[in-house]
């Protein structure tokens, strides 16, 4: 589609305009590389480079506005208007297919760097909050039922390590993506003595693709990115779910800052965590992008197909969606308010029944028998309408001679957390070790 130099865009197109900078970068390097094999003279090279730089300025100024779904066609047409003879030679030595997949690979690599840094912001916020709440006790849940005593520090750092795995996955795919397709031509390579390895290095790739048919049809890196982005979305959605549950007045463990909530239109006293809910909802949209991408990809024959025009939209949408999700969650974490007294009040002796069984086991009672004794004690307390700590020692001794007066020390929540002094446990020393490990991980990965 031809573009009028006088036409100013009113809104940014939603599609391949994102690849503009990458395509200019590839084209500038490719033009330079075509001089050595004699495809372009030095004069012709300079003319094409000048034209590309002009188009870049026009794009930045809003003068050049490619169609939403035809960036490469618009670029070629504008280039032919500025340098018709020279651009004809350039296009004889490359295909639209390799242009597209090369620019897309570069865009993905840039986005990987951006996502890695954005996730690091969330990780830093988690560490900062965790350091403040190393001794703040709270119930830990499995099956949505109280299951043990943990700390706010331990809970928050559980999400740090989820994101650390996400980070490692993103880093691992950079090498697989950093392979340059230029020189693949339309299907079988190009008939010019092009130094592909040198060209790849100039553009910023680590290596070159090994098969031209595979190179122009390969979107594995797109599927991989979508899966990783989807999994990050799932992890952040789980954290959002925790925030939504824990901010419910029935628990009241945390308060989401007013910047991320909205007053109910019908109930003035009700604060809805809208931003957190929307972040949770965005994870589903990203999963949809992944499913749609794979559904399109699975039906394609080898090499390049125009269906991938639609697939690229899924990549753009998923990355944009995750970025907005990450920004919200980082803000929510950084401003989250905690209520230790509510968390402590929510703890009851049910979460200590495993500790009570361990008490018996440490005194030689078998595992099976110990759990049976605890169940009988729970039933005895229920019949008496009392808690276990309200039962006399005689009731404990009636169920097992292994009990002694020190059994009541079991019913101490801080003790329950403190005795789990193993790597990954809830003891203060273990948590300090975990914080240190998290900080070290950040440093080792250049994210401090």
Foldseek 3Di string as FASTA:
>chain_A
DEFALPDADPDAQLADVLLLVLLLLLLLLLLVQCCVLPLDPPVLSVQLNVQSVVVVVSVVVRRQHDDNLPPPVHSLVSSCVRRVVSSVSVPVFADPLLSVLQSVLVSLLVLLVVVLLLLLLLLVLLLVVLVVWLPQWFFDDDPNDGAAIFISNLVSVVLSVLVLVLNVLSVVCNLVSLAHLPQLHQARGGPTPGPRQVSSVSSPGPYHDDHSQCSSFDPVSVLSVLVSLLSNLVSLLVVLVVVQVCCPPVQNFKPFDPVQWDADPVDRVDIHRNNSVVSNVLSVVSVVLSVVLVVQSVPDDIGDDPSCSVNSSSSSSSSVSSSSSSVSSSNRSNPMGGDSVSRVVPDDCVNLLVVQLVLVVVLPDDSVLSNVLSVVLVVVCVVVVHDSLPDDQVVSVVSPVSDDPCSSVSRDRSVRQQVQPDQSGSRSVNSVVSSVVSVVSCVVVVND
